[in-house]
Amino acid sequence: MNTLRNQTAFAFPANLAPLTPAEVEAYARRIRAEAIADLIFKGWVALKSVATRGKTYLAQQRALAELQGLDDAMLRDIGLSRSQIPAAVAGLIERPVAAAVNENAVSDQVVRLVPRHAA
């Protein structure tokens, strides 16, 4: 019985006889199953991506609401003004760690106000 042996549909070696209808049907079923499996995998990846974006958006909205709920004195204590809140939530504001505050800190170390995964 002849098989395709990983050959494309139009590149048959000269020593193979034409395929029988049963072989063509088996090959069609196999490539259809591979295409469906690929489609399911890509759909799953897209769904995970949408879920991750949704979780990130909700975390940013919670952080934004939390920071906007603070009074100006508390914002000043953490080194922010009210106009910097959206940038801080987006992870765009960084500040160097003061060596006096943390003796283990390296001078070029930077602290993000919001964790990277939430930004």
Protein backbone atom coordinates (compact mmCIF):
# COMPACT_ATOMS: atom_id res chain seq x y z
CA MET A 1 0.00 0.00 0.00
CA ASN A 2 1.36 3.40 -0.92
CA THR A 3 1.52 6.23 1.61
CA LEU A 4 2.42 9.85 1.23
CA ARG A 5 5.49 9.55 3.49
CA ASN A 6 5.48 13.27 4.36
CA GLN A 7 5.22 14.27 0.71
CA THR A 8 3.08 17.17 -0.37
CA ALA A 9 -0.05 16.45 -2.38
CA PHE A 10 1.58 17.31 -5.73
CA ALA A 11 5.16 16.07 -5.31
CA PHE A 12 4.92 12.30 -5.63
CA PRO A 13 8.10 10.36 -6.36
CA ALA A 14 8.05 8.56 -9.69
CA ASN A 15 8.09 5.09 -8.09
CA LEU A 16 4.75 5.58 -6.28
CA ALA A 17 1.53 4.56 -7.95
CA PRO A 18 -1.43 6.94 -7.77
CA LEU A 19 -3.24 6.86 -4.45
CA THR A 20 -6.39 4.89 -3.96
CA PRO A 21 -9.54 6.70 -2.85
CA ALA A 22 -9.16 5.18 0.63
CA GLU A 23 -5.60 6.55 0.92
CA VAL A 24 -6.73 9.99 -0.23
CA GLU A 25 -9.53 9.94 2.33
CA ALA A 26 -7.15 8.86 5.12
CA TYR A 27 -4.73 11.63 4.18
CA ALA A 28 -7.56 14.19 4.08
CA ARG A 29 -8.78 13.07 7.51
CA ARG A 30 -5.26 13.41 8.94
CA ILE A 31 -4.64 16.90 7.60
CA ARG A 32 -8.14 17.99 8.69
CA ALA A 33 -7.45 16.71 12.22
CA GLU A 34 -4.11 18.59 12.26
CA ALA A 35 -5.81 21.78 11.06
CA ILE A 36 -8.52 21.51 13.73
CA ALA A 37 -5.92 20.87 16.44
CA ASP A 38 -3.95 23.91 15.27
CA LEU A 39 -7.11 26.03 15.28
CA ILE A 40 -8.00 24.93 18.81
CA PHE A 41 -4.46 25.68 20.03
CA LYS A 42 -4.44 29.15 18.46
CA GLY A 43 -7.88 29.86 19.91
CA TRP A 44 -6.69 28.82 23.37
CA VAL A 45 -3.63 31.09 23.10
CA ALA A 46 -5.83 34.01 22.01
CA LEU A 47 -8.25 33.38 24.88
CA LYS A 48 -5.39 33.33 27.39
CA SER A 49 -4.07 36.59 25.95
CA VAL A 50 -7.46 38.28 26.30
CA ALA A 51 -7.79 37.00 29.88
CA THR A 52 -4.31 38.29 30.77
CA ARG A 53 -5.07 41.70 29.31
CA GLY A 54 -8.34 41.79 31.25
CA LYS A 55 -6.61 40.93 34.53
CA THR A 56 -3.98 43.59 33.88
CA TYR A 57 -6.63 46.20 33.11
CA LEU A 58 -8.55 45.39 36.30
CA ALA A 59 -5.36 45.55 38.39
CA GLN A 60 -4.52 48.95 36.90
CA GLN A 61 -8.03 50.23 37.61
CA ARG A 62 -7.81 49.04 41.24
CA ALA A 63 -4.40 50.72 41.66
CA LEU A 64 -5.70 53.91 40.07
CA ALA A 65 -8.74 53.99 42.38
CA GLU A 66 -6.56 53.26 45.42
CA LEU A 67 -4.09 56.05 44.64
CA GLN A 68 -6.83 58.53 43.78
CA GLY A 69 -8.45 57.74 47.13
CA LEU A 70 -5.36 58.96 49.02
CA ASP A 71 -5.18 62.53 50.19
CA ASP A 72 -2.47 64.91 48.94
CA ALA A 73 -0.31 64.52 52.07
CA MET A 74 -0.16 60.74 51.67
CA LEU A 75 0.63 61.06 47.96
CA ARG A 76 3.42 63.49 48.83
CA ASP A 77 4.77 60.94 51.34
CA ILE A 78 5.17 58.34 48.60
CA GLY A 79 6.64 60.91 46.20
CA LEU A 80 3.69 61.45 43.88
CA SER A 81 1.51 64.33 42.92
CA ARG A 82 -2.10 63.81 41.88
CA SER A 83 -1.22 64.47 38.23
CA GLN A 84 1.38 61.66 38.29
CA ILE A 85 -1.07 58.94 39.36
CA PRO A 86 -1.92 57.67 35.83
CA ALA A 87 1.78 57.53 34.90
CA ALA A 88 2.62 55.71 38.14
CA VAL A 89 -0.12 53.13 37.53
CA ALA A 90 1.14 52.63 33.96
CA GLY A 91 4.61 51.95 35.37
CA LEU A 92 6.19 54.99 33.73
CA ILE A 93 7.50 56.61 36.91
CA GLU A 94 10.61 55.18 38.54
CA ARG A 95 12.64 56.52 41.41
CA PRO A 96 16.09 55.57 42.66
CA VAL A 97 16.41 53.84 46.02
CA ALA A 98 18.02 56.08 48.63
CA ALA A 99 21.02 54.35 50.21
CA ALA A 100 20.23 55.99 53.56
CA VAL A 101 16.79 54.35 53.62
CA ASN A 102 18.11 50.91 52.72
CA GLU A 103 21.74 50.12 53.46
CA ASN A 104 21.57 47.01 51.24
CA ALA A 105 20.51 49.03 48.21
CA VAL A 106 22.86 49.46 45.28
CA SER A 107 23.18 53.08 44.18
CA ASP A 108 21.85 52.46 40.66
CA GLN A 109 18.93 50.30 41.83
CA VAL A 110 15.46 51.55 40.85
CA VAL A 111 12.16 50.89 42.57
CA ARG A 112 9.04 50.72 40.45
CA LEU A 113 5.97 52.21 42.06
CA VAL A 114 3.79 49.52 40.50
CA PRO A 115 4.95 45.94 39.84
CA ARG A 116 5.81 45.29 36.18
CA HIS A 117 3.17 42.57 35.75
CA ALA A 118 0.40 44.94 36.89
CA ALA A 119 1.47 47.70 34.49
